[in-house]
């Protein structure tokens, strides 16, 4: 009886492990392809990171699609170009994707998820990137200009801001104030 129970448990564990491996196979294959790209670093490249919120994804750089909005998987085009890199442990579920691209001017489109994984804030910027420099797009809520007054003014959400940092220094800042009448707003560049 004990042997039969032990065999049943072992069989269940084997089947469960096999099913889990099958579900993660595409992610593992993507990680291996990206790891191969990391060995081919180019001398005049620049690196682009995003941070500040629970999750952020590079949607597009120039005309190269990077991460699909629906599947959240890295595109074949980006892997083929060799621009995608992973930061963090291979065994971690939360690996940060960053880009290593030739230094020049690009339009970069980033999806930030400041509230939940279901609601993305899309940010577009055109910038001339320099070689051998690390750039970080950092999203945050600007809580410095908290106004006093009526309950309506105080209850308005703080503006979302994105800082473009070159190494550790902020070189550009974009903020999107909340428009009470429409509930929408656009990112506008502010003086740093």
C-alpha atoms as a PDB file:
ATOM      1  CA  UNK A   1       0.000   0.000   0.000  1.00  0.00           C
ATOM      2  CA  UNK A   2       2.804   2.390   0.898  1.00  0.00           C
ATOM      3  CA  UNK A   3       4.705   1.534  -2.271  1.00  0.00           C
ATOM      4  CA  UNK A   4       1.646   2.182  -4.382  1.00  0.00           C
ATOM      5  CA  UNK A   5       1.102   5.543  -2.645  1.00  0.00           C
ATOM      6  CA  UNK A   6       4.776   6.474  -3.063  1.00  0.00           C
ATOM      7  CA  UNK A   7       4.684   5.570  -6.771  1.00  0.00           C
ATOM      8  CA  UNK A   8       1.520   7.613  -7.269  1.00  0.00           C
ATOM      9  CA  UNK A   9       3.056  10.634  -5.578  1.00  0.00           C
ATOM     10  CA  UNK A  10       6.263  10.258  -7.597  1.00  0.00           C
ATOM     11  CA  UNK A  11       4.249   9.950 -10.821  1.00  0.00           C
ATOM     12  CA  UNK A  12       2.265  13.104  -9.975  1.00  0.00           C
ATOM     13  CA  UNK A  13       5.473  15.025  -9.260  1.00  0.00           C
ATOM     14  CA  UNK A  14       7.027  13.896 -12.560  1.00  0.00           C
ATOM     15  CA  UNK A  15       3.945  14.871 -14.544  1.00  0.00           C
ATOM     16  CA  UNK A  16       3.729  18.237 -12.770  1.00  0.00           C
ATOM     17  CA  UNK A  17       7.411  18.959 -13.414  1.00  0.00           C
ATOM     18  CA  UNK A  18       7.073  18.025 -17.070  1.00  0.00           C
ATOM     19  CA  UNK A  19       4.029  20.277 -17.529  1.00  0.00           C
ATOM     20  CA  UNK A  20       5.774  23.168 -15.804  1.00  0.00           C
ATOM     21  CA  UNK A  21       8.834  22.716 -17.998  1.00  0.00           C
ATOM     22  CA  UNK A  22       6.673  22.768 -21.124  1.00  0.00           C
ATOM     23  CA  UNK A  23       4.991  26.009 -20.065  1.00  0.00           C
ATOM     24  CA  UNK A  24       8.307  27.737 -19.369  1.00  0.00           C
ATOM     25  CA  UNK A  25      10.097  26.401 -22.460  1.00  0.00           C
ATOM     26  CA  UNK A  26       9.502  29.509 -24.640  1.00  0.00           C
ATOM     27  CA  UNK A  27      10.816  31.795 -21.869  1.00  0.00           C
ATOM     28  CA  UNK A  28      13.907  29.625 -21.390  1.00  0.00           C
ATOM     29  CA  UNK A  29      14.577  29.645 -25.141  1.00  0.00           C
ATOM     30  CA  UNK A  30      14.244  33.449 -25.174  1.00  0.00           C
ATOM     31  CA  UNK A  31      16.660  33.729 -22.253  1.00  0.00           C
ATOM     32  CA  UNK A  32      19.235  31.575 -24.029  1.00  0.00           C
ATOM     33  CA  UNK A  33      18.974  33.681 -27.200  1.00  0.00           C
ATOM     34  CA  UNK A  34      19.356  36.874 -25.195  1.00  0.00           C
ATOM     35  CA  UNK A  35      22.348  35.432 -23.322  1.00  0.00           C
ATOM     36  CA  UNK A  36      24.014  34.731 -26.676  1.00  0.00           C
ATOM     37  CA  UNK A  37      23.417  38.362 -27.692  1.00  0.00           C
ATOM     38  CA  UNK A  38      25.078  39.569 -24.495  1.00  0.00           C
ATOM     39  CA  UNK A  39      28.349  37.988 -25.611  1.00  0.00           C
ATOM     40  CA  UNK A  40      28.320  40.141 -28.745  1.00  0.00           C
ATOM     41  CA  UNK A  41      28.502  43.589 -27.102  1.00  0.00           C
ATOM     42  CA  UNK A  42      29.496  46.322 -29.487  1.00  0.00           C
ATOM     43  CA  UNK A  43      31.992  48.994 -28.504  1.00  0.00           C
ATOM     44  CA  UNK A  44      30.007  52.086 -29.513  1.00  0.00           C
ATOM     45  CA  UNK A  45      26.701  51.053 -27.991  1.00  0.00           C
ATOM     46  CA  UNK A  46      24.651  52.826 -25.383  1.00  0.00           C
ATOM     47  CA  UNK A  47      22.442  51.102 -22.802  1.00  0.00           C
ATOM     48  CA  UNK A  48      18.827  52.049 -22.044  1.00  0.00           C
ATOM     49  CA  UNK A  49      17.063  51.059 -18.813  1.00  0.00           C
ATOM     50  CA  UNK A  50      13.661  51.865 -17.346  1.00  0.00           C
ATOM     51  CA  UNK A  51      12.791  51.935 -13.644  1.00  0.00           C
ATOM     52  CA  UNK A  52      10.758  53.549 -10.895  1.00  0.00           C
ATOM     53  CA  UNK A  53       7.556  51.510 -11.082  1.00  0.00           C
ATOM     54  CA  UNK A  54       6.490  47.894 -10.587  1.00  0.00           C
ATOM     55  CA  UNK A  55       7.093  47.076 -14.231  1.00  0.00           C
ATOM     56  CA  UNK A  56       8.137  48.815 -17.428  1.00  0.00           C
ATOM     57  CA  UNK A  57       8.663  47.556 -20.958  1.00  0.00           C
ATOM     58  CA  UNK A  58      10.303  48.959 -24.057  1.00  0.00           C
ATOM     59  CA  UNK A  59       7.600  48.849 -26.710  1.00  0.00           C
ATOM     60  CA  UNK A  60       9.668  50.143 -29.591  1.00  0.00           C
ATOM     61  CA  UNK A  61      12.966  51.802 -30.424  1.00  0.00           C
ATOM     62  CA  UNK A  62      13.062  53.425 -33.841  1.00  0.00           C
ATOM     63  CA  UNK A  63      11.187  51.009 -36.081  1.00  0.00           C
ATOM     64  CA  UNK A  64      12.138  47.889 -34.086  1.00  0.00           C
ATOM     65  CA  UNK A  65       9.345  46.401 -31.965  1.00  0.00           C
ATOM     66  CA  UNK A  66      10.841  45.187 -28.665  1.00  0.00           C
ATOM     67  CA  UNK A  67       8.147  43.801 -26.317  1.00  0.00           C
ATOM     68  CA  UNK A  68       4.608  42.966 -27.419  1.00  0.00           C
ATOM     69  CA  UNK A  69       1.867  44.710 -25.410  1.00  0.00           C
ATOM     70  CA  UNK A  70      -0.470  41.700 -25.310  1.00  0.00           C
ATOM     71  CA  UNK A  71       1.899  38.769 -24.796  1.00  0.00           C
ATOM     72  CA  UNK A  72       4.645  40.691 -22.923  1.00  0.00           C
ATOM     73  CA  UNK A  73       7.203  38.632 -24.855  1.00  0.00           C
ATOM     74  CA  UNK A  74      10.297  39.943 -26.586  1.00  0.00           C
ATOM     75  CA  UNK A  75       9.841  40.172 -30.345  1.00  0.00           C
ATOM     76  CA  UNK A  76      11.798  38.030 -32.771  1.00  0.00           C
ATOM     77  CA  UNK A  77      12.850  41.234 -34.540  1.00  0.00           C
ATOM     78  CA  UNK A  78      14.508  42.617 -31.386  1.00  0.00           C
ATOM     79  CA  UNK A  79      16.228  39.306 -30.651  1.00  0.00           C
ATOM     80  CA  UNK A  80      17.398  39.073 -34.258  1.00  0.00           C
ATOM     81  CA  UNK A  81      18.878  42.584 -34.038  1.00  0.00           C
ATOM     82  CA  UNK A  82      20.670  41.600 -30.809  1.00  0.00           C
ATOM     83  CA  UNK A  83      19.587  44.713 -28.873  1.00  0.00           C
ATOM     84  CA  UNK A  84      17.870  43.056 -25.878  1.00  0.00           C
ATOM     85  CA  UNK A  85      19.742  42.298 -22.669  1.00  0.00           C
ATOM     86  CA  UNK A  86      18.683  40.846 -19.305  1.00  0.00           C
ATOM     87  CA  UNK A  87      19.696  42.226 -15.924  1.00  0.00           C
ATOM     88  CA  UNK A  88      19.384  39.924 -12.940  1.00  0.00           C
ATOM     89  CA  UNK A  89      19.674  36.257 -12.118  1.00  0.00           C
ATOM     90  CA  UNK A  90      18.670  33.649 -14.680  1.00  0.00           C
ATOM     91  CA  UNK A  91      16.743  31.883 -11.907  1.00  0.00           C
ATOM     92  CA  UNK A  92      14.753  34.986 -10.968  1.00  0.00           C
ATOM     93  CA  UNK A  93      11.248  35.551 -12.337  1.00  0.00           C
ATOM     94  CA  UNK A  94      11.775  39.330 -12.211  1.00  0.00           C
ATOM     95  CA  UNK A  95      14.531  39.935 -14.723  1.00  0.00           C
ATOM     96  CA  UNK A  96      14.798  43.453 -16.028  1.00  0.00           C
ATOM     97  CA  UNK A  97      15.030  43.867 -19.786  1.00  0.00           C
ATOM     98  CA  UNK A  98      17.304  46.618 -21.022  1.00  0.00           C
ATOM     99  CA  UNK A  99      18.564  47.602 -24.456  1.00  0.00           C
ATOM    100  CA  UNK A 100      22.041  47.903 -25.914  1.00  0.00           C
ATOM    101  CA  UNK A 101      21.839  49.863 -29.155  1.00  0.00           C
ATOM    102  CA  UNK A 102      24.225  51.757 -31.434  1.00  0.00           C
ATOM    103  CA  UNK A 103      24.543  55.346 -30.249  1.00  0.00           C
ATOM    104  CA  UNK A 104      22.418  57.691 -32.375  1.00  0.00           C
ATOM    105  CA  UNK A 105      19.061  59.462 -32.294  1.00  0.00           C
ATOM    106  CA  UNK A 106      16.004  57.263 -31.720  1.00  0.00           C
ATOM    107  CA  UNK A 107      12.354  57.548 -30.935  1.00  0.00           C
ATOM    108  CA  UNK A 108      11.822  55.367 -27.859  1.00  0.00           C
ATOM    109  CA  UNK A 109       8.387  54.182 -26.739  1.00  0.00           C
ATOM    110  CA  UNK A 110       8.124  52.781 -23.196  1.00  0.00           C
ATOM    111  CA  UNK A 111       5.142  51.314 -21.362  1.00  0.00           C
ATOM    112  CA  UNK A 112       5.195  52.019 -17.622  1.00  0.00           C
ATOM    113  CA  UNK A 113       2.835  50.213 -15.236  1.00  0.00           C
ATOM    114  CA  UNK A 114       2.624  52.555 -12.202  1.00  0.00           C
ATOM    115  CA  UNK A 115      -0.639  51.249 -10.738  1.00  0.00           C
ATOM    116  CA  UNK A 116      -1.329  47.735 -11.984  1.00  0.00           C
ATOM    117  CA  UNK A 117      -0.202  45.307 -14.698  1.00  0.00           C
ATOM    118  CA  UNK A 118      -3.467  46.017 -16.539  1.00  0.00           C
ATOM    119  CA  UNK A 119      -3.031  49.788 -16.936  1.00  0.00           C
ATOM    120  CA  UNK A 120      -0.029  51.029 -18.936  1.00  0.00           C
ATOM    121  CA  UNK A 121       1.142  54.604 -19.289  1.00  0.00           C
ATOM    122  CA  UNK A 122       2.845  55.007 -22.664  1.00  0.00           C
ATOM    123  CA  UNK A 123       5.747  57.432 -22.948  1.00  0.00           C
ATOM    124  CA  UNK A 124       7.324  58.622 -26.246  1.00  0.00           C
ATOM    125  CA  UNK A 125      10.617  60.489 -26.494  1.00  0.00           C
ATOM    126  CA  UNK A 126      13.117  61.372 -29.207  1.00  0.00           C
ATOM    127  CA  UNK A 127      16.685  61.682 -28.000  1.00  0.00           C
ATOM    128  CA  UNK A 128      20.234  61.527 -29.413  1.00  0.00           C
ATOM    129  CA  UNK A 129      22.032  58.879 -27.335  1.00  0.00           C
ATOM    130  CA  UNK A 130      25.809  59.018 -26.852  1.00  0.00           C
ATOM    131  CA  UNK A 131      28.124  55.959 -26.949  1.00  0.00           C
ATOM    132  CA  UNK A 132      29.392  54.275 -23.769  1.00  0.00           C
ATOM    133  CA  UNK A 133      26.691  55.912 -21.619  1.00  0.00           C
ATOM    134  CA  UNK A 134      23.961  54.370 -19.483  1.00  0.00           C
ATOM    135  CA  UNK A 135      20.552  56.031 -19.813  1.00  0.00           C
ATOM    136  CA  UNK A 136      17.656  55.358 -17.445  1.00  0.00           C
ATOM    137  CA  UNK A 137      14.024  56.348 -17.907  1.00  0.00           C
ATOM    138  CA  UNK A 138      12.639  56.685 -14.377  1.00  0.00           C
ATOM    139  CA  UNK A 139       8.926  57.205 -13.685  1.00  0.00           C
ATOM    140  CA  UNK A 140       7.630  58.680 -10.425  1.00  0.00           C
ATOM    141  CA  UNK A 141       4.822  60.804  -8.983  1.00  0.00           C
ATOM    142  CA  UNK A 142       5.791  64.428  -8.371  1.00  0.00           C
ATOM    143  CA  UNK A 143       4.612  65.046  -4.809  1.00  0.00           C
ATOM    144  CA  UNK A 144       6.536  68.301  -4.319  1.00  0.00           C
ATOM    145  CA  UNK A 145       3.799  70.663  -5.530  1.00  0.00           C
ATOM    146  CA  UNK A 146       0.996  69.491  -3.257  1.00  0.00           C
ATOM    147  CA  UNK A 147      -1.502  72.312  -3.298  1.00  0.00           C
ATOM    148  CA  UNK A 148      -3.734  73.223  -0.440  1.00  0.00           C
ATOM    149  CA  UNK A 149      -7.215  74.506  -0.800  1.00  0.00           C
ATOM    150  CA  UNK A 150     -10.466  72.886  -1.759  1.00  0.00           C
ATOM    151  CA  UNK A 151     -11.054  69.164  -1.426  1.00  0.00           C
ATOM    152  CA  UNK A 152     -11.257  68.914  -5.230  1.00  0.00           C
ATOM    153  CA  UNK A 153      -7.781  70.448  -5.644  1.00  0.00           C
ATOM    154  CA  UNK A 154      -6.251  68.255  -2.947  1.00  0.00           C
ATOM    155  CA  UNK A 155      -7.821  65.033  -4.257  1.00  0.00           C
ATOM    156  CA  UNK A 156      -6.327  65.374  -7.756  1.00  0.00           C
ATOM    157  CA  UNK A 157      -3.616  62.740  -8.342  1.00  0.00           C
ATOM    158  CA  UNK A 158      -0.042  63.941  -8.309  1.00  0.00           C
ATOM    159  CA  UNK A 159       1.443  64.368 -11.790  1.00  0.00           C
ATOM    160  CA  UNK A 160       3.318  61.441 -13.317  1.00  0.00           C
ATOM    161  CA  UNK A 161       6.860  62.347 -14.309  1.00  0.00           C
ATOM    162  CA  UNK A 162       9.604  60.592 -16.258  1.00  0.00           C
ATOM    163  CA  UNK A 163      13.214  61.610 -15.797  1.00  0.00           C
ATOM    164  CA  UNK A 164      15.773  60.749 -18.456  1.00  0.00           C
ATOM    165  CA  UNK A 165      18.993  60.163 -16.558  1.00  0.00           C
ATOM    166  CA  UNK A 166      22.422  60.041 -18.159  1.00  0.00           C
ATOM    167  CA  UNK A 167      24.462  57.911 -15.765  1.00  0.00           C
ATOM    168  CA  UNK A 168      23.120  59.322 -12.450  1.00  0.00           C
ATOM    169  CA  UNK A 169      22.270  62.858 -13.595  1.00  0.00           C
ATOM    170  CA  UNK A 170      18.835  63.950 -14.780  1.00  0.00           C
ATOM    171  CA  UNK A 171      19.168  65.567 -18.197  1.00  0.00           C
ATOM    172  CA  UNK A 172      15.490  65.780 -19.235  1.00  0.00           C
ATOM    173  CA  UNK A 173      12.206  65.730 -17.309  1.00  0.00           C
ATOM    174  CA  UNK A 174       8.706  65.115 -18.627  1.00  0.00           C
ATOM    175  CA  UNK A 175       5.575  65.477 -16.493  1.00  0.00           C
ATOM    176  CA  UNK A 176       1.939  64.793 -17.198  1.00  0.00           C
ATOM    177  CA  UNK A 177      -0.397  66.845 -15.039  1.00  0.00           C
ATOM    178  CA  UNK A 178      -3.843  65.469 -14.360  1.00  0.00           C
ATOM    179  CA  UNK A 179      -6.591  67.419 -16.116  1.00  0.00           C
ATOM    180  CA  UNK A 180      -9.691  67.327 -13.888  1.00  0.00           C
ATOM    181  CA  UNK A 181     -12.141  67.984 -16.718  1.00  0.00           C
ATOM    182  CA  UNK A 182     -10.934  65.217 -19.072  1.00  0.00           C
ATOM    183  CA  UNK A 183      -9.035  62.877 -16.749  1.00  0.00           C
ATOM    184  CA  UNK A 184      -6.223  62.840 -19.296  1.00  0.00           C
ATOM    185  CA  UNK A 185      -3.009  64.655 -19.902  1.00  0.00           C
ATOM    186  CA  UNK A 186       0.105  64.609 -22.073  1.00  0.00           C
ATOM    187  CA  UNK A 187       3.728  64.357 -21.026  1.00  0.00           C
ATOM    188  CA  UNK A 188       5.268  67.811 -21.358  1.00  0.00           C
ATOM    189  CA  UNK A 189       8.990  68.497 -21.071  1.00  0.00           C
ATOM    190  CA  UNK A 190       9.942  70.657 -18.094  1.00  0.00           C
ATOM    191  CA  UNK A 191      13.082  72.600 -17.336  1.00  0.00           C
ATOM    192  CA  UNK A 192      15.617  70.660 -15.243  1.00  0.00           C
END
